[in-house]
Amino acid sequence: MISIAYINKVAFAAWSSWLEELSPLWKGKRNADFDRTMNVYGFLPDVGDVSNDRLILRRDDYAFGAVPAAYRDGDIASLNANSSWLPMPSWCGAALNGLKDPVAEILGCPWRVLNVRSWVTRPGASGGPFAWHTDGLPKEMLKIMIYSTPCDKEHGGLAVDIGGGETQRLQGQAGLWVLFYNSKLKHCGIPPTLGERVATEITLVPWDHFILEPISLGTNGQYPIYPLMRGDECLTTVG
């Protein structure tokens, strides 16, 4: 049986090489402030619809052809104690269309959606994504976080390392979105102190044309193993 570590290694190499080949598309065109700070944010309307359905993270819940995260049993138990996963938000397609041009202008080229995941975080969450970290994905594989709850002291949000031993906690109303170099910029999720924090994560890459259809690869799916694999080729889940 092929190990998850081997799948991750093969996929990382394939995507790193492919994105390096595509890099002339955006070289010299990327937003200079984004390259300097490694994050940029804005606001989207109408992202408050949250499903009442709750899902749990399972190691085997990833689409065939997708790269799963290599969680240990203790990691999964901790994440499920802190959070509940959600079905694809009903507003996701409209949100991606709304982000089409702003994100392309920042990246200097079109972009492709690889995966969408949403979850609810409860007060008191710690460790894992709530500790300072980088995501360990290929360097040009980026993420957008969209918050359906305000980013403030009560609802939590996201903090980023701005260098020099200083950090910045992002603040804003519901609908805040943040595009960032998640595998280069140290960051951490901030749990709520009251109620719930509702977040949607979009994994994306710069591409030679737009592919913005929302697709979910499962609670433990990260991105397709091979760059030329379409999202709909990964939709049969393992678990």
C-alpha atoms as a PDB file:
ATOM      1  CA  MET A   1       0.000   0.000   0.000  1.00  0.00           C
ATOM      2  CA  ILE A   2       1.309   3.451  -0.927  1.00  0.00           C
ATOM      3  CA  SER A   3       1.876   5.594   2.151  1.00  0.00           C
ATOM      4  CA  ILE A   4       0.414   9.066   2.652  1.00  0.00           C
ATOM      5  CA  ALA A   5       3.964  10.379   3.091  1.00  0.00           C
ATOM      6  CA  TYR A   6       4.900   9.059  -0.366  1.00  0.00           C
ATOM      7  CA  ILE A   7       1.768  10.570  -1.946  1.00  0.00           C
ATOM      8  CA  ASN A   8       2.624  13.925  -0.382  1.00  0.00           C
ATOM      9  CA  LYS A   9       6.223  13.733  -1.619  1.00  0.00           C
ATOM     10  CA  VAL A  10       5.231  12.900  -5.206  1.00  0.00           C
ATOM     11  CA  ALA A  11       2.507  15.554  -5.314  1.00  0.00           C
ATOM     12  CA  PHE A  12       4.757  18.238  -3.812  1.00  0.00           C
ATOM     13  CA  ALA A  13       7.443  17.590  -6.430  1.00  0.00           C
ATOM     14  CA  ALA A  14       4.951  17.483  -9.313  1.00  0.00           C
ATOM     15  CA  TRP A  15       3.240  20.730  -8.346  1.00  0.00           C
ATOM     16  CA  SER A  16       6.486  22.567  -7.540  1.00  0.00           C
ATOM     17  CA  SER A  17       7.914  21.696 -10.937  1.00  0.00           C
ATOM     18  CA  TRP A  18       4.703  22.556 -12.803  1.00  0.00           C
ATOM     19  CA  LEU A  19       4.257  25.907 -11.092  1.00  0.00           C
ATOM     20  CA  GLU A  20       7.878  26.812 -11.765  1.00  0.00           C
ATOM     21  CA  GLU A  21       7.213  26.185 -15.462  1.00  0.00           C
ATOM     22  CA  LEU A  22       4.169  28.485 -15.269  1.00  0.00           C
ATOM     23  CA  SER A  23       5.996  31.243 -13.373  1.00  0.00           C
ATOM     24  CA  PRO A  24       6.701  33.439 -16.467  1.00  0.00           C
ATOM     25  CA  LEU A  25       2.934  34.124 -16.471  1.00  0.00           C
ATOM     26  CA  TRP A  26       3.218  36.273 -13.347  1.00  0.00           C
ATOM     27  CA  LYS A  27       6.897  37.226 -13.033  1.00  0.00           C
ATOM     28  CA  GLY A  28       7.112  41.000 -12.792  1.00  0.00           C
ATOM     29  CA  LYS A  29       3.314  41.356 -12.698  1.00  0.00           C
ATOM     30  CA  ARG A  30       2.484  40.408  -9.116  1.00  0.00           C
ATOM     31  CA  ASN A  31       1.331  43.074  -6.683  1.00  0.00           C
ATOM     32  CA  ALA A  32       4.475  44.389  -4.971  1.00  0.00           C
ATOM     33  CA  ASP A  33       2.795  44.946  -1.592  1.00  0.00           C
ATOM     34  CA  PHE A  34       1.497  41.367  -1.625  1.00  0.00           C
ATOM     35  CA  ASP A  35       4.979  40.004  -2.349  1.00  0.00           C
ATOM     36  CA  ARG A  36       6.382  42.149   0.467  1.00  0.00           C
ATOM     37  CA  THR A  37       3.793  41.452   3.191  1.00  0.00           C
ATOM     38  CA  MET A  38       2.711  38.023   1.852  1.00  0.00           C
ATOM     39  CA  ASN A  39      -0.940  38.792   2.626  1.00  0.00           C
ATOM     40  CA  VAL A  40      -3.730  41.047   1.411  1.00  0.00           C
ATOM     41  CA  TYR A  41      -7.360  41.301   2.436  1.00  0.00           C
ATOM     42  CA  GLY A  42     -10.741  42.682   1.442  1.00  0.00           C
ATOM     43  CA  PHE A  43     -14.462  42.181   2.084  1.00  0.00           C
ATOM     44  CA  LEU A  44     -17.238  40.168   0.461  1.00  0.00           C
ATOM     45  CA  PRO A  45     -20.984  40.544   1.080  1.00  0.00           C
ATOM     46  CA  ASP A  46     -23.432  37.699   1.633  1.00  0.00           C
ATOM     47  CA  VAL A  47     -21.210  35.041   3.234  1.00  0.00           C
ATOM     48  CA  GLY A  48     -23.280  34.468   6.360  1.00  0.00           C
ATOM     49  CA  ASP A  49     -25.305  31.395   5.342  1.00  0.00           C
ATOM     50  CA  VAL A  50     -24.080  28.490   7.482  1.00  0.00           C
ATOM     51  CA  SER A  51     -25.417  24.950   7.217  1.00  0.00           C
ATOM     52  CA  ASN A  52     -26.798  23.275  10.327  1.00  0.00           C
ATOM     53  CA  ASP A  53     -25.132  20.030   9.211  1.00  0.00           C
ATOM     54  CA  ARG A  54     -21.921  19.176  11.042  1.00  0.00           C
ATOM     55  CA  LEU A  55     -19.244  16.799   9.781  1.00  0.00           C
ATOM     56  CA  ILE A  56     -16.257  15.236  11.529  1.00  0.00           C
ATOM     57  CA  LEU A  57     -12.722  15.009  10.182  1.00  0.00           C
ATOM     58  CA  ARG A  58     -11.823  11.451   9.178  1.00  0.00           C
ATOM     59  CA  ARG A  59      -8.427  10.302   7.952  1.00  0.00           C
ATOM     60  CA  ASP A  60     -10.032   8.360   5.081  1.00  0.00           C
ATOM     61  CA  ASP A  61     -12.380  11.178   3.983  1.00  0.00           C
ATOM     62  CA  TYR A  62     -10.534  12.409   0.915  1.00  0.00           C
ATOM     63  CA  ALA A  63     -11.299  12.139  -2.777  1.00  0.00           C
ATOM     64  CA  PHE A  64      -9.523   9.520  -4.850  1.00  0.00           C
ATOM     65  CA  GLY A  65      -6.651  11.307  -6.580  1.00  0.00           C
ATOM     66  CA  ALA A  66      -6.349  13.936  -3.819  1.00  0.00           C
ATOM     67  CA  VAL A  67      -3.460  14.463  -1.418  1.00  0.00           C
ATOM     68  CA  PRO A  68      -4.574  13.709   2.163  1.00  0.00           C
ATOM     69  CA  ALA A  69      -3.085  15.368   5.218  1.00  0.00           C
ATOM     70  CA  ALA A  70      -0.877  13.069   7.293  1.00  0.00           C
ATOM     71  CA  TYR A  71      -2.686  13.477  10.618  1.00  0.00           C
ATOM     72  CA  ARG A  72      -1.948  11.300  13.625  1.00  0.00           C
ATOM     73  CA  ASP A  73      -4.814   9.908  15.688  1.00  0.00           C
ATOM     74  CA  GLY A  74      -4.220  12.507  18.390  1.00  0.00           C
ATOM     75  CA  ASP A  75      -4.281  15.324  15.829  1.00  0.00           C
ATOM     76  CA  ILE A  76      -7.650  14.193  14.472  1.00  0.00           C
ATOM     77  CA  ALA A  77      -9.142  13.838  17.946  1.00  0.00           C
ATOM     78  CA  SER A  78      -7.946  17.335  18.873  1.00  0.00           C
ATOM     79  CA  LEU A  79      -9.265  18.916  15.679  1.00  0.00           C
ATOM     80  CA  ASN A  80     -12.664  17.272  16.093  1.00  0.00           C
ATOM     81  CA  ALA A  81     -12.804  18.429  19.720  1.00  0.00           C
ATOM     82  CA  ASN A  82     -12.089  22.010  18.615  1.00  0.00           C
ATOM     83  CA  SER A  83     -14.046  22.203  15.351  1.00  0.00           C
ATOM     84  CA  SER A  84     -16.836  20.798  13.205  1.00  0.00           C
ATOM     85  CA  TRP A  85     -16.624  20.673   9.429  1.00  0.00           C
ATOM     86  CA  LEU A  86     -19.361  22.032   7.174  1.00  0.00           C
ATOM     87  CA  PRO A  87     -20.751  21.163   3.741  1.00  0.00           C
ATOM     88  CA  MET A  88     -19.873  23.448   0.835  1.00  0.00           C
ATOM     89  CA  PRO A  89     -21.378  26.907   1.544  1.00  0.00           C
ATOM     90  CA  SER A  90     -24.271  27.866  -0.741  1.00  0.00           C
ATOM     91  CA  TRP A  91     -22.643  31.235  -1.437  1.00  0.00           C
ATOM     92  CA  CYS A  92     -19.243  29.816  -2.460  1.00  0.00           C
ATOM     93  CA  GLY A  93     -19.710  30.007  -6.242  1.00  0.00           C
ATOM     94  CA  ALA A  94     -20.798  33.643  -6.105  1.00  0.00           C
ATOM     95  CA  ALA A  95     -17.925  34.491  -3.756  1.00  0.00           C
ATOM     96  CA  LEU A  96     -15.352  32.943  -6.094  1.00  0.00           C
ATOM     97  CA  ASN A  97     -16.771  34.901  -9.016  1.00  0.00           C
ATOM     98  CA  GLY A  98     -16.557  38.052  -6.899  1.00  0.00           C
ATOM     99  CA  LEU A  99     -12.903  37.319  -6.131  1.00  0.00           C
ATOM    100  CA  LYS A 100     -12.003  36.498  -9.738  1.00  0.00           C
ATOM    101  CA  ASP A 101     -10.671  39.874 -10.850  1.00  0.00           C
ATOM    102  CA  PRO A 102      -9.296  41.208  -7.522  1.00  0.00           C
ATOM    103  CA  VAL A 103      -7.227  38.060  -6.934  1.00  0.00           C
ATOM    104  CA  ALA A 104      -6.040  37.928 -10.563  1.00  0.00           C
ATOM    105  CA  GLU A 105      -4.888  41.538 -10.291  1.00  0.00           C
ATOM    106  CA  ILE A 106      -2.909  40.695  -7.146  1.00  0.00           C
ATOM    107  CA  LEU A 107      -1.377  37.520  -8.594  1.00  0.00           C
ATOM    108  CA  GLY A 108      -0.690  39.020 -12.012  1.00  0.00           C
ATOM    109  CA  CYS A 109      -2.452  36.165 -13.842  1.00  0.00           C
ATOM    110  CA  PRO A 110      -5.592  33.970 -13.768  1.00  0.00           C
ATOM    111  CA  TRP A 111      -5.990  31.387 -11.034  1.00  0.00           C
ATOM    112  CA  ARG A 112      -7.431  27.960 -10.345  1.00  0.00           C
ATOM    113  CA  VAL A 113      -9.421  26.656  -7.354  1.00  0.00           C
ATOM    114  CA  LEU A 114      -8.070  23.337  -6.066  1.00  0.00           C
ATOM    115  CA  ASN A 115     -10.162  22.744  -2.950  1.00  0.00           C
ATOM    116  CA  VAL A 116     -12.714  24.340  -0.633  1.00  0.00           C
ATOM    117  CA  ARG A 117     -13.235  23.432   3.033  1.00  0.00           C
ATOM    118  CA  SER A 118     -15.406  25.104   5.682  1.00  0.00           C
ATOM    119  CA  TRP A 119     -15.537  24.616   9.415  1.00  0.00           C
ATOM    120  CA  VAL A 120     -16.817  25.979  12.707  1.00  0.00           C
ATOM    121  CA  THR A 121     -14.369  26.553  15.573  1.00  0.00           C
ATOM    122  CA  ARG A 122     -15.439  26.516  19.209  1.00  0.00           C
ATOM    123  CA  PRO A 123     -14.044  28.583  22.110  1.00  0.00           C
ATOM    124  CA  GLY A 124     -10.890  27.249  23.743  1.00  0.00           C
ATOM    125  CA  ALA A 125      -9.379  25.659  20.619  1.00  0.00           C
ATOM    126  CA  SER A 126      -5.593  25.241  20.804  1.00  0.00           C
ATOM    127  CA  GLY A 127      -2.728  23.495  19.045  1.00  0.00           C
ATOM    128  CA  GLY A 128      -2.675  22.458  15.396  1.00  0.00           C
ATOM    129  CA  PRO A 129      -3.892  25.362  13.201  1.00  0.00           C
ATOM    130  CA  PHE A 130      -4.236  27.515  16.331  1.00  0.00           C
ATOM    131  CA  ALA A 131      -0.468  27.424  16.944  1.00  0.00           C
ATOM    132  CA  TRP A 132       2.034  29.369  14.820  1.00  0.00           C
ATOM    133  CA  HIS A 133       2.818  27.412  11.657  1.00  0.00           C
ATOM    134  CA  THR A 134       3.260  27.336   7.896  1.00  0.00           C
ATOM    135  CA  ASP A 135       1.326  24.816   5.819  1.00  0.00           C
ATOM    136  CA  GLY A 136       4.157  23.020   4.019  1.00  0.00           C
ATOM    137  CA  LEU A 137       2.557  23.130   0.562  1.00  0.00           C
ATOM    138  CA  PRO A 138       4.385  24.086  -2.665  1.00  0.00           C
ATOM    139  CA  LYS A 139       5.391  27.746  -2.369  1.00  0.00           C
ATOM    140  CA  GLU A 140       3.091  29.023  -5.141  1.00  0.00           C
ATOM    141  CA  MET A 141       0.079  27.121  -3.798  1.00  0.00           C
ATOM    142  CA  LEU A 142      -1.823  29.815  -1.910  1.00  0.00           C
ATOM    143  CA  LYS A 143      -4.903  30.097   0.280  1.00  0.00           C
ATOM    144  CA  ILE A 144      -7.804  32.455   0.763  1.00  0.00           C
ATOM    145  CA  MET A 145      -9.582  32.440   4.099  1.00  0.00           C
ATOM    146  CA  ILE A 146     -13.132  33.847   4.124  1.00  0.00           C
ATOM    147  CA  TYR A 147     -14.760  34.533   7.505  1.00  0.00           C
ATOM    148  CA  SER A 148     -18.542  34.333   7.856  1.00  0.00           C
ATOM    149  CA  THR A 149     -18.277  35.731  11.377  1.00  0.00           C
ATOM    150  CA  PRO A 150     -16.515  38.981  12.326  1.00  0.00           C
ATOM    151  CA  CYS A 151     -12.783  38.897  13.004  1.00  0.00           C
ATOM    152  CA  ASP A 152     -12.611  40.429  16.455  1.00  0.00           C
ATOM    153  CA  LYS A 153     -11.900  39.576  20.091  1.00  0.00           C
ATOM    154  CA  GLU A 154     -15.116  37.621  20.610  1.00  0.00           C
ATOM    155  CA  HIS A 155     -15.290  35.740  17.291  1.00  0.00           C
ATOM    156  CA  GLY A 156     -11.578  35.094  16.670  1.00  0.00           C
ATOM    157  CA  GLY A 157      -9.960  35.179  13.240  1.00  0.00           C
ATOM    158  CA  LEU A 158      -6.368  35.041  11.985  1.00  0.00           C
ATOM    159  CA  ALA A 159      -2.999  36.408  13.066  1.00  0.00           C
ATOM    160  CA  VAL A 160       0.109  36.719  10.861  1.00  0.00           C
ATOM    161  CA  ASP A 161       3.806  37.217  11.601  1.00  0.00           C
ATOM    162  CA  ILE A 162       4.873  40.615  10.220  1.00  0.00           C
ATOM    163  CA  GLY A 163       8.538  40.172  11.134  1.00  0.00           C
ATOM    164  CA  GLY A 164      10.804  41.747  13.715  1.00  0.00           C
ATOM    165  CA  GLY A 165       9.178  39.730  16.460  1.00  0.00           C
ATOM    166  CA  GLU A 166       5.810  41.396  15.818  1.00  0.00           C
ATOM    167  CA  THR A 167       2.470  39.901  14.840  1.00  0.00           C
ATOM    168  CA  GLN A 168      -0.699  41.370  13.413  1.00  0.00           C
ATOM    169  CA  ARG A 169      -4.199  40.205  14.186  1.00  0.00           C
ATOM    170  CA  LEU A 170      -6.552  40.845  11.283  1.00  0.00           C
ATOM    171  CA  GLN A 171      -9.734  42.713  12.200  1.00  0.00           C
ATOM    172  CA  GLY A 172     -12.916  43.214  10.227  1.00  0.00           C
ATOM    173  CA  GLN A 173     -16.588  42.566   9.747  1.00  0.00           C
ATOM    174  CA  ALA A 174     -18.097  39.286   8.561  1.00  0.00           C
ATOM    175  CA  GLY A 175     -17.063  38.762   4.955  1.00  0.00           C
ATOM    176  CA  LEU A 176     -13.373  39.508   5.534  1.00  0.00           C
ATOM    177  CA  TRP A 177     -11.208  37.557   3.078  1.00  0.00           C
ATOM    178  CA  VAL A 178      -7.456  37.115   3.285  1.00  0.00           C
ATOM    179  CA  LEU A 179      -5.202  35.915   0.445  1.00  0.00           C
ATOM    180  CA  PHE A 180      -1.800  34.822   1.740  1.00  0.00           C
ATOM    181  CA  TYR A 181       1.338  32.791   1.104  1.00  0.00           C
ATOM    182  CA  ASN A 182       0.296  30.136   3.605  1.00  0.00           C
ATOM    183  CA  SER A 183       3.462  28.064   3.201  1.00  0.00           C
ATOM    184  CA  LYS A 184       5.849  31.027   3.591  1.00  0.00           C
ATOM    185  CA  LEU A 185       4.039  33.341   6.015  1.00  0.00           C
ATOM    186  CA  LYS A 186       3.783  32.174   9.617  1.00  0.00           C
ATOM    187  CA  HIS A 187       0.198  32.411  10.775  1.00  0.00           C
ATOM    188  CA  CYS A 188      -2.221  31.006  13.329  1.00  0.00           C
ATOM    189  CA  GLY A 189      -5.957  30.741  13.699  1.00  0.00           C
ATOM    190  CA  ILE A 190      -7.495  32.688  16.586  1.00  0.00           C
ATOM    191  CA  PRO A 191     -10.367  30.816  18.257  1.00  0.00           C
ATOM    192  CA  PRO A 192     -13.470  32.652  19.483  1.00  0.00           C
ATOM    193  CA  THR A 193     -14.004  33.516  23.109  1.00  0.00           C
ATOM    194  CA  LEU A 194     -17.793  33.452  22.688  1.00  0.00           C
ATOM    195  CA  GLY A 195     -19.929  31.634  20.140  1.00  0.00           C
ATOM    196  CA  GLU A 196     -18.362  30.204  17.010  1.00  0.00           C
ATOM    197  CA  ARG A 197     -15.804  31.208  14.378  1.00  0.00           C
ATOM    198  CA  VAL A 198     -16.936  30.196  10.872  1.00  0.00           C
ATOM    199  CA  ALA A 199     -14.212  30.035   8.221  1.00  0.00           C
ATOM    200  CA  THR A 200     -13.952  28.850   4.617  1.00  0.00           C
ATOM    201  CA  GLU A 201     -10.562  27.924   3.181  1.00  0.00           C
ATOM    202  CA  ILE A 202      -9.879  28.075  -0.565  1.00  0.00           C
ATOM    203  CA  THR A 203      -6.692  26.429  -1.830  1.00  0.00           C
ATOM    204  CA  LEU A 204      -5.618  27.893  -5.182  1.00  0.00           C
ATOM    205  CA  VAL A 205      -2.761  28.233  -7.632  1.00  0.00           C
ATOM    206  CA  PRO A 206      -1.878  30.795 -10.312  1.00  0.00           C
ATOM    207  CA  TRP A 207      -2.869  29.319 -13.682  1.00  0.00           C
ATOM    208  CA  ASP A 208      -2.990  30.133 -17.400  1.00  0.00           C
ATOM    209  CA  HIS A 209      -6.802  30.417 -17.410  1.00  0.00           C
ATOM    210  CA  PHE A 210      -9.548  30.702 -14.819  1.00  0.00           C
ATOM    211  CA  ILE A 211     -10.958  27.537 -13.194  1.00  0.00           C
ATOM    212  CA  LEU A 212     -13.176  28.830 -10.391  1.00  0.00           C
ATOM    213  CA  GLU A 213     -15.764  26.085  -9.893  1.00  0.00           C
ATOM    214  CA  PRO A 214     -15.986  25.318  -6.160  1.00  0.00           C
ATOM    215  CA  ILE A 215     -14.945  21.757  -5.361  1.00  0.00           C
ATOM    216  CA  SER A 216     -14.485  19.892  -2.089  1.00  0.00           C
ATOM    217  CA  LEU A 217     -12.013  17.009  -1.839  1.00  0.00           C
ATOM    218  CA  GLY A 218     -13.293  15.849   1.563  1.00  0.00           C
ATOM    219  CA  THR A 219     -12.564  16.854   5.133  1.00  0.00           C
ATOM    220  CA  ASN A 220      -9.043  15.404   4.804  1.00  0.00           C
ATOM    221  CA  GLY A 221      -8.372  16.269   1.136  1.00  0.00           C
ATOM    222  CA  GLN A 222      -5.868  19.002   0.296  1.00  0.00           C
ATOM    223  CA  TYR A 223      -5.310  19.243  -3.485  1.00  0.00           C
ATOM    224  CA  PRO A 224      -5.124  16.950  -6.556  1.00  0.00           C
ATOM    225  CA  ILE A 225      -1.987  14.795  -6.741  1.00  0.00           C
ATOM    226  CA  TYR A 226      -1.122  15.853 -10.301  1.00  0.00           C
ATOM    227  CA  PRO A 227      -1.424  19.349 -11.778  1.00  0.00           C
ATOM    228  CA  LEU A 228      -3.286  18.274 -14.928  1.00  0.00           C
ATOM    229  CA  MET A 229      -5.854  16.292 -12.943  1.00  0.00           C
ATOM    230  CA  ARG A 230      -9.194  18.089 -13.046  1.00  0.00           C
ATOM    231  CA  GLY A 231     -11.075  18.558  -9.807  1.00  0.00           C
ATOM    232  CA  ASP A 232     -13.995  16.452 -11.013  1.00  0.00           C
ATOM    233  CA  GLU A 233     -11.601  13.536 -11.537  1.00  0.00           C
ATOM    234  CA  CYS A 234     -11.045  13.462  -7.761  1.00  0.00           C
ATOM    235  CA  LEU A 235     -14.656  13.389  -6.632  1.00  0.00           C
ATOM    236  CA  THR A 236     -14.985   9.713  -5.704  1.00  0.00           C
ATOM    237  CA  THR A 237     -14.125   9.683  -2.012  1.00  0.00           C
ATOM    238  CA  VAL A 238     -11.968   6.985  -0.456  1.00  0.00           C
ATOM    239  CA  GLY A 239     -13.952   6.805   2.763  1.00  0.00           C
END
